[in-house]
N, C-alpha and C. Protein backbone atom coordinates (compact mmCIF):
# COMPACT_ATOMS: atom_id res chain seq x y z
N MET A 1 5.84 -15.31 -9.83
CA MET A 1 5.21 -14.31 -10.65
C MET A 1 5.96 -13.00 -10.49
N SER A 2 6.42 -12.42 -11.57
CA SER A 2 7.07 -11.11 -11.50
C SER A 2 6.01 -10.03 -11.56
N SER A 3 6.39 -8.80 -11.17
CA SER A 3 5.43 -7.71 -11.20
C SER A 3 4.94 -7.47 -12.62
N ASN A 4 5.76 -7.77 -13.64
CA ASN A 4 5.37 -7.54 -15.02
C ASN A 4 4.28 -8.48 -15.48
N SER A 5 4.10 -9.62 -14.83
CA SER A 5 3.10 -10.58 -15.27
C SER A 5 1.73 -10.32 -14.65
N GLN A 6 1.62 -9.31 -13.78
CA GLN A 6 0.34 -8.99 -13.17
C GLN A 6 -0.46 -8.13 -14.14
N LYS A 7 -1.63 -8.61 -14.50
CA LYS A 7 -2.51 -7.82 -15.36
C LYS A 7 -3.47 -7.06 -14.45
N VAL A 8 -3.50 -5.74 -14.62
CA VAL A 8 -4.35 -4.90 -13.81
C VAL A 8 -5.54 -4.46 -14.66
N VAL A 9 -6.74 -4.64 -14.13
CA VAL A 9 -7.97 -4.31 -14.86
C VAL A 9 -8.85 -3.42 -13.99
N LYS A 10 -9.73 -2.67 -14.66
CA LYS A 10 -10.66 -1.79 -13.94
C LYS A 10 -12.05 -2.40 -14.02
N LYS A 11 -12.68 -2.53 -12.85
CA LYS A 11 -14.03 -3.08 -12.77
C LYS A 11 -14.86 -2.18 -11.86
N ASP A 12 -15.97 -1.70 -12.38
CA ASP A 12 -16.84 -0.80 -11.61
C ASP A 12 -16.08 0.39 -11.02
N GLY A 13 -15.14 0.92 -11.80
CA GLY A 13 -14.39 2.10 -11.38
C GLY A 13 -13.25 1.83 -10.43
N VAL A 14 -12.94 0.56 -10.15
CA VAL A 14 -11.87 0.21 -9.21
C VAL A 14 -10.84 -0.67 -9.92
N TRP A 15 -9.55 -0.36 -9.72
CA TRP A 15 -8.47 -1.17 -10.30
C TRP A 15 -8.22 -2.41 -9.45
N PHE A 16 -8.02 -3.55 -10.11
CA PHE A 16 -7.72 -4.83 -9.47
C PHE A 16 -6.58 -5.52 -10.21
N VAL A 17 -5.81 -6.35 -9.49
CA VAL A 17 -4.97 -7.32 -10.16
C VAL A 17 -5.95 -8.40 -10.61
N GLU A 18 -5.94 -8.70 -11.89
CA GLU A 18 -6.96 -9.56 -12.48
C GLU A 18 -7.15 -10.86 -11.70
N GLY A 19 -8.42 -11.15 -11.38
CA GLY A 19 -8.78 -12.39 -10.71
C GLY A 19 -8.48 -12.44 -9.23
N ARG A 20 -8.09 -11.30 -8.63
CA ARG A 20 -7.71 -11.29 -7.22
C ARG A 20 -8.46 -10.19 -6.47
N PRO A 21 -8.90 -10.49 -5.26
CA PRO A 21 -9.60 -9.45 -4.48
C PRO A 21 -8.64 -8.37 -3.99
N ARG A 22 -9.19 -7.18 -3.74
CA ARG A 22 -8.41 -6.05 -3.23
C ARG A 22 -8.37 -6.07 -1.71
N GLU A 23 -7.49 -5.28 -1.18
CA GLU A 23 -7.34 -5.09 0.26
C GLU A 23 -8.48 -4.25 0.81
N THR A 24 -8.68 -4.32 2.13
CA THR A 24 -9.56 -3.38 2.82
C THR A 24 -8.69 -2.54 3.75
N ILE A 25 -9.11 -1.31 3.95
CA ILE A 25 -8.31 -0.38 4.75
C ILE A 25 -9.19 0.25 5.81
N GLN A 26 -8.68 0.27 7.05
CA GLN A 26 -9.40 0.88 8.16
C GLN A 26 -8.50 1.92 8.82
N LEU A 27 -9.02 3.13 8.98
CA LEU A 27 -8.28 4.17 9.68
C LEU A 27 -8.22 3.83 11.16
N ILE A 28 -7.02 3.82 11.72
CA ILE A 28 -6.83 3.56 13.15
C ILE A 28 -6.59 4.87 13.90
N SER A 29 -5.72 5.74 13.36
CA SER A 29 -5.42 6.99 14.07
C SER A 29 -4.79 8.01 13.13
N ARG A 30 -4.90 9.29 13.55
CA ARG A 30 -4.17 10.39 12.93
C ARG A 30 -3.71 11.31 14.05
N HIS A 31 -2.41 11.62 14.04
CA HIS A 31 -1.83 12.48 15.07
C HIS A 31 -0.98 13.56 14.40
N HIS A 32 -0.81 14.68 15.14
CA HIS A 32 0.03 15.79 14.69
C HIS A 32 1.13 16.00 15.74
N PRO A 33 2.23 15.24 15.66
CA PRO A 33 3.28 15.38 16.68
C PRO A 33 3.88 16.79 16.66
N PRO A 34 4.01 17.42 17.83
CA PRO A 34 4.53 18.79 17.86
C PRO A 34 6.01 18.87 17.45
N ASN A 35 6.73 17.76 17.50
CA ASN A 35 8.15 17.80 17.14
C ASN A 35 8.38 17.65 15.63
N ILE A 36 7.32 17.43 14.85
CA ILE A 36 7.44 17.41 13.38
C ILE A 36 6.30 18.26 12.79
N PRO A 37 6.44 19.59 12.94
CA PRO A 37 5.38 20.49 12.48
C PRO A 37 5.10 20.29 10.99
N GLY A 38 3.80 20.40 10.65
CA GLY A 38 3.40 20.27 9.25
C GLY A 38 3.26 18.84 8.78
N LYS A 39 3.42 17.89 9.70
CA LYS A 39 3.33 16.47 9.34
C LYS A 39 2.24 15.79 10.17
N SER A 40 1.69 14.73 9.61
CA SER A 40 0.76 13.87 10.33
C SER A 40 1.33 12.47 10.39
N LEU A 41 1.04 11.78 11.48
CA LEU A 41 1.27 10.33 11.58
C LEU A 41 -0.09 9.68 11.43
N ILE A 42 -0.24 8.85 10.42
CA ILE A 42 -1.51 8.18 10.14
C ILE A 42 -1.29 6.69 10.20
N THR A 43 -2.12 6.00 10.97
CA THR A 43 -2.03 4.55 11.06
C THR A 43 -3.27 3.93 10.43
N LEU A 44 -3.04 3.01 9.50
CA LEU A 44 -4.11 2.28 8.83
C LEU A 44 -3.93 0.79 9.11
N LEU A 45 -5.04 0.08 9.22
CA LEU A 45 -5.02 -1.38 9.27
C LEU A 45 -5.36 -1.86 7.87
N VAL A 46 -4.42 -2.56 7.24
CA VAL A 46 -4.61 -3.07 5.88
C VAL A 46 -4.81 -4.58 5.99
N THR A 47 -5.92 -5.06 5.44
CA THR A 47 -6.22 -6.49 5.47
C THR A 47 -6.32 -7.00 4.04
N LEU A 48 -5.53 -8.03 3.74
CA LEU A 48 -5.56 -8.68 2.43
C LEU A 48 -6.29 -10.01 2.58
N PRO A 49 -7.39 -10.19 1.84
CA PRO A 49 -8.08 -11.48 1.91
C PRO A 49 -7.21 -12.58 1.30
N PRO A 50 -7.57 -13.83 1.50
CA PRO A 50 -6.80 -14.90 0.84
C PRO A 50 -6.66 -14.61 -0.65
N ASN A 51 -5.43 -14.75 -1.17
CA ASN A 51 -5.10 -14.50 -2.58
C ASN A 51 -5.28 -13.03 -2.98
N GLY A 52 -5.44 -12.13 -2.01
CA GLY A 52 -5.63 -10.71 -2.30
C GLY A 52 -4.36 -10.05 -2.81
N ALA A 53 -4.54 -8.97 -3.57
CA ALA A 53 -3.41 -8.24 -4.12
C ALA A 53 -3.76 -6.77 -4.31
N THR A 54 -2.76 -5.92 -4.20
CA THR A 54 -2.90 -4.49 -4.46
C THR A 54 -2.16 -4.16 -5.74
N PRO A 55 -2.77 -3.42 -6.66
CA PRO A 55 -2.05 -3.04 -7.88
C PRO A 55 -0.81 -2.20 -7.56
N PRO A 56 0.17 -2.17 -8.46
CA PRO A 56 1.37 -1.36 -8.24
C PRO A 56 1.00 0.09 -7.90
N HIS A 57 1.75 0.66 -6.95
CA HIS A 57 1.40 1.98 -6.44
C HIS A 57 2.59 2.68 -5.77
N ARG A 58 2.34 3.93 -5.42
CA ARG A 58 3.26 4.74 -4.63
C ARG A 58 2.43 5.43 -3.55
N HIS A 59 3.14 6.12 -2.64
CA HIS A 59 2.45 6.86 -1.57
C HIS A 59 2.88 8.32 -1.58
N GLY A 60 3.12 8.86 -2.76
CA GLY A 60 3.50 10.27 -2.89
C GLY A 60 4.76 10.55 -2.10
N SER A 61 4.74 11.64 -1.33
CA SER A 61 5.92 12.01 -0.54
C SER A 61 5.89 11.42 0.86
N ALA A 62 4.93 10.53 1.13
CA ALA A 62 4.84 9.92 2.46
C ALA A 62 5.90 8.85 2.65
N ALA A 63 6.38 8.73 3.87
CA ALA A 63 7.20 7.59 4.28
C ALA A 63 6.26 6.62 4.99
N VAL A 64 6.44 5.32 4.74
CA VAL A 64 5.52 4.32 5.29
C VAL A 64 6.31 3.20 5.96
N LEU A 65 5.90 2.85 7.18
CA LEU A 65 6.42 1.68 7.87
C LEU A 65 5.27 0.71 8.02
N ALA A 66 5.44 -0.52 7.55
CA ALA A 66 4.40 -1.55 7.67
C ALA A 66 4.87 -2.61 8.65
N LEU A 67 3.98 -2.99 9.56
CA LEU A 67 4.28 -4.01 10.57
C LEU A 67 3.25 -5.12 10.44
N MET A 68 3.73 -6.32 10.07
CA MET A 68 2.84 -7.47 9.87
C MET A 68 2.24 -7.93 11.20
N LEU A 69 0.93 -8.16 11.17
CA LEU A 69 0.21 -8.64 12.36
C LEU A 69 -0.11 -10.12 12.27
N ARG A 70 -0.62 -10.53 11.10
CA ARG A 70 -0.99 -11.95 10.92
C ARG A 70 -0.89 -12.29 9.45
N GLY A 71 -0.74 -13.58 9.19
CA GLY A 71 -0.58 -14.04 7.82
C GLY A 71 0.77 -13.66 7.27
N ALA A 72 0.88 -13.64 5.95
CA ALA A 72 2.15 -13.32 5.29
C ALA A 72 1.88 -12.46 4.06
N SER A 73 2.74 -11.48 3.87
CA SER A 73 2.64 -10.57 2.74
C SER A 73 3.87 -10.74 1.84
N ARG A 74 3.64 -10.76 0.54
CA ARG A 74 4.73 -10.84 -0.45
C ARG A 74 4.82 -9.47 -1.12
N ASP A 75 5.99 -8.81 -0.96
CA ASP A 75 6.15 -7.45 -1.45
C ASP A 75 7.45 -7.29 -2.23
N GLN A 76 7.40 -6.40 -3.21
CA GLN A 76 8.56 -6.09 -4.02
C GLN A 76 8.57 -4.58 -4.24
N MET A 77 9.69 -3.95 -3.92
CA MET A 77 9.81 -2.50 -4.02
C MET A 77 10.81 -2.11 -5.10
N ASN A 78 10.52 -1.00 -5.77
CA ASN A 78 11.43 -0.41 -6.74
C ASN A 78 11.99 -1.45 -7.69
N GLN A 79 13.30 -1.55 -7.77
CA GLN A 79 13.95 -2.48 -8.69
C GLN A 79 14.48 -3.74 -8.02
N GLU A 80 13.94 -4.08 -6.84
CA GLU A 80 14.38 -5.32 -6.18
C GLU A 80 14.19 -6.48 -7.15
N PRO A 81 15.19 -7.37 -7.25
CA PRO A 81 15.07 -8.47 -8.21
C PRO A 81 14.02 -9.51 -7.83
N GLU A 82 13.73 -9.64 -6.55
CA GLU A 82 12.77 -10.65 -6.09
C GLU A 82 11.85 -10.06 -5.02
N ALA A 83 10.64 -10.60 -4.93
CA ALA A 83 9.73 -10.22 -3.86
C ALA A 83 10.17 -10.91 -2.57
N ARG A 84 9.83 -10.29 -1.44
CA ARG A 84 10.14 -10.87 -0.13
C ARG A 84 8.85 -11.18 0.60
N VAL A 85 8.84 -12.28 1.32
CA VAL A 85 7.67 -12.67 2.13
C VAL A 85 7.98 -12.33 3.58
N ARG A 86 7.02 -11.65 4.22
CA ARG A 86 7.17 -11.27 5.62
C ARG A 86 5.96 -11.75 6.40
N GLY A 87 6.21 -12.21 7.63
CA GLY A 87 5.15 -12.72 8.50
C GLY A 87 5.01 -11.88 9.75
N PRO A 88 4.19 -12.34 10.70
CA PRO A 88 3.91 -11.59 11.92
C PRO A 88 5.19 -11.14 12.64
N GLY A 89 5.18 -9.87 13.04
CA GLY A 89 6.32 -9.29 13.75
C GLY A 89 7.37 -8.71 12.83
N GLU A 90 7.33 -9.03 11.54
CA GLU A 90 8.29 -8.47 10.59
C GLU A 90 7.74 -7.16 10.02
N SER A 91 8.64 -6.35 9.47
CA SER A 91 8.22 -5.06 8.94
C SER A 91 8.91 -4.77 7.61
N PHE A 92 8.37 -3.77 6.91
CA PHE A 92 9.07 -3.24 5.74
C PHE A 92 8.84 -1.74 5.69
N TYR A 93 9.73 -1.05 4.98
CA TYR A 93 9.71 0.41 4.91
C TYR A 93 9.63 0.85 3.46
N GLU A 94 8.81 1.86 3.21
CA GLU A 94 8.72 2.48 1.90
C GLU A 94 9.12 3.94 2.04
N ALA A 95 10.25 4.31 1.48
CA ALA A 95 10.71 5.69 1.53
C ALA A 95 9.82 6.55 0.64
N PRO A 96 9.82 7.87 0.84
CA PRO A 96 9.05 8.73 -0.05
C PRO A 96 9.41 8.45 -1.52
N GLY A 97 8.36 8.31 -2.35
CA GLY A 97 8.56 8.04 -3.77
C GLY A 97 8.78 6.58 -4.11
N CYS A 98 8.87 5.70 -3.12
CA CYS A 98 9.09 4.27 -3.36
C CYS A 98 7.99 3.72 -4.27
N HIS A 99 8.37 2.87 -5.20
CA HIS A 99 7.41 2.22 -6.09
C HIS A 99 7.18 0.80 -5.58
N HIS A 100 5.98 0.56 -5.07
CA HIS A 100 5.60 -0.76 -4.54
C HIS A 100 5.03 -1.54 -5.73
N VAL A 101 5.90 -2.29 -6.40
CA VAL A 101 5.51 -2.93 -7.66
C VAL A 101 4.71 -4.21 -7.45
N ARG A 102 4.82 -4.79 -6.28
CA ARG A 102 4.08 -6.03 -6.00
C ARG A 102 3.71 -6.07 -4.53
N GLY A 103 2.43 -6.25 -4.24
CA GLY A 103 1.95 -6.36 -2.87
C GLY A 103 0.79 -7.34 -2.85
N GLU A 104 0.98 -8.45 -2.16
CA GLU A 104 -0.06 -9.48 -2.20
C GLU A 104 -0.01 -10.36 -0.96
N ASN A 105 -1.13 -11.01 -0.70
CA ASN A 105 -1.18 -12.02 0.34
C ASN A 105 -0.44 -13.25 -0.18
N ALA A 106 0.47 -13.77 0.62
CA ALA A 106 1.25 -14.93 0.20
C ALA A 106 0.48 -16.24 0.32
N SER A 107 -0.74 -16.17 0.87
CA SER A 107 -1.54 -17.38 1.08
C SER A 107 -2.84 -17.31 0.29
N GLU A 108 -3.28 -18.46 -0.17
CA GLU A 108 -4.58 -18.56 -0.83
C GLU A 108 -5.66 -19.01 0.15
N GLU A 109 -5.27 -19.31 1.42
CA GLU A 109 -6.24 -19.80 2.41
C GLU A 109 -6.47 -18.85 3.59
N GLU A 110 -5.44 -18.09 3.99
CA GLU A 110 -5.54 -17.26 5.19
C GLU A 110 -5.42 -15.78 4.82
N GLU A 111 -6.13 -14.93 5.58
CA GLU A 111 -5.96 -13.50 5.34
C GLU A 111 -4.65 -13.03 5.96
N ALA A 112 -4.17 -11.91 5.47
CA ALA A 112 -2.97 -11.27 6.00
C ALA A 112 -3.35 -9.85 6.41
N ALA A 113 -2.72 -9.34 7.47
CA ALA A 113 -3.02 -7.99 7.92
C ALA A 113 -1.77 -7.34 8.47
N PHE A 114 -1.68 -6.02 8.25
CA PHE A 114 -0.56 -5.26 8.78
C PHE A 114 -1.00 -3.83 9.08
N TYR A 115 -0.27 -3.20 10.02
CA TYR A 115 -0.44 -1.77 10.24
C TYR A 115 0.47 -1.06 9.26
N ALA A 116 -0.04 0.00 8.65
CA ALA A 116 0.77 0.88 7.81
C ALA A 116 0.77 2.24 8.49
N VAL A 117 1.96 2.69 8.91
CA VAL A 117 2.10 3.97 9.59
C VAL A 117 2.74 4.95 8.61
N PHE A 118 2.01 6.00 8.28
CA PHE A 118 2.45 7.00 7.31
C PHE A 118 2.94 8.25 8.04
N VAL A 119 4.03 8.83 7.54
CA VAL A 119 4.44 10.17 7.91
C VAL A 119 4.22 10.99 6.64
N VAL A 120 3.25 11.91 6.70
CA VAL A 120 2.82 12.62 5.49
C VAL A 120 2.71 14.11 5.76
N ASP A 121 3.02 14.91 4.74
CA ASP A 121 2.84 16.36 4.84
C ASP A 121 1.36 16.68 4.98
N ASP A 122 1.01 17.51 5.97
CA ASP A 122 -0.39 17.88 6.17
C ASP A 122 -0.98 18.50 4.90
N GLU A 123 -0.22 19.37 4.25
CA GLU A 123 -0.73 20.04 3.05
C GLU A 123 -1.02 19.03 1.94
N GLU A 124 -0.11 18.08 1.73
CA GLU A 124 -0.34 17.06 0.71
C GLU A 124 -1.56 16.21 1.06
N PHE A 125 -1.71 15.90 2.32
CA PHE A 125 -2.86 15.10 2.77
C PHE A 125 -4.16 15.85 2.49
N GLU A 126 -4.20 17.14 2.85
CA GLU A 126 -5.43 17.93 2.71
C GLU A 126 -5.78 18.19 1.25
N THR A 127 -4.79 18.43 0.39
CA THR A 127 -5.06 18.75 -1.01
C THR A 127 -5.02 17.54 -1.93
N GLY A 128 -4.52 16.41 -1.43
CA GLY A 128 -4.35 15.22 -2.27
C GLY A 128 -5.39 14.15 -2.11
N GLY A 129 -6.52 14.47 -1.51
CA GLY A 129 -7.59 13.48 -1.42
C GLY A 129 -7.71 12.79 -0.08
N GLY A 130 -7.04 13.30 0.95
CA GLY A 130 -7.16 12.71 2.28
C GLY A 130 -6.63 11.29 2.33
N TYR A 131 -7.32 10.42 3.05
CA TYR A 131 -6.85 9.05 3.24
C TYR A 131 -6.77 8.30 1.91
N GLU A 132 -7.75 8.53 1.03
CA GLU A 132 -7.75 7.84 -0.26
C GLU A 132 -6.57 8.27 -1.12
N GLY A 133 -6.10 9.50 -0.94
CA GLY A 133 -4.97 10.01 -1.71
C GLY A 133 -3.63 9.44 -1.28
N LEU A 134 -3.60 8.67 -0.19
CA LEU A 134 -2.34 8.08 0.26
C LEU A 134 -1.89 6.92 -0.63
N LEU A 135 -2.81 6.36 -1.40
CA LEU A 135 -2.49 5.24 -2.29
C LEU A 135 -2.66 5.72 -3.73
N VAL A 136 -1.54 5.92 -4.43
CA VAL A 136 -1.56 6.42 -5.80
C VAL A 136 -1.23 5.25 -6.73
N LEU A 137 -2.27 4.69 -7.35
CA LEU A 137 -2.09 3.53 -8.22
C LEU A 137 -1.48 3.95 -9.56
N ASP A 138 -0.57 3.13 -10.07
CA ASP A 138 0.06 3.40 -11.36
C ASP A 138 -0.98 3.64 -12.44
N GLN A 139 -2.05 2.83 -12.46
CA GLN A 139 -3.05 2.91 -13.51
C GLN A 139 -3.81 4.23 -13.46
N ASP A 140 -4.07 4.76 -12.26
CA ASP A 140 -4.73 6.05 -12.16
C ASP A 140 -3.87 7.15 -12.76
N VAL A 141 -2.57 7.10 -12.51
CA VAL A 141 -1.64 8.09 -13.06
C VAL A 141 -1.64 8.00 -14.58
N GLU A 142 -1.53 6.78 -15.11
CA GLU A 142 -1.51 6.58 -16.56
C GLU A 142 -2.82 7.01 -17.20
N GLU A 143 -3.92 6.73 -16.55
CA GLU A 143 -5.23 7.09 -17.09
C GLU A 143 -5.38 8.61 -17.19
N LYS A 144 -4.87 9.33 -16.20
CA LYS A 144 -4.97 10.79 -16.21
C LYS A 144 -4.08 11.41 -17.31
N LYS A 145 -2.96 10.75 -17.63
CA LYS A 145 -2.07 11.23 -18.69
C LYS A 145 -2.72 11.08 -20.06
N GLY A 146 -3.48 9.96 -20.23
CA GLY A 146 -3.95 9.54 -21.53
C GLY A 146 -5.11 10.26 -22.04
């Protein structure tokens, strides 16, 4: 399945990849390292249920490192020709402005989970909606334009 074949729909005010459950997100930590003033390190636990998927998105100016804990995640960034599957102990990186065009659980039977560690500008975090503002869905951007 290419990213173009994913139909994204809105149900009860929430965007979904059609027919697939969304991820759950749990805040693990937020730190203000003194050696990077004006930035926060935020760690989230992202859990994808079996067959779960996240609609295409970006993370604003944040840099994100994801470390797989269990299960397998299928991800495609920017203009990569193919999605890659990563399992426990593997990681992927999203540079600021990266377009995460495909993010899904690679299994229909087992959940997948990973830590997502964000390096984000404190000002952007405070004015951009806090933790919820870290995930900017393509459809939300298009809806605001229209």
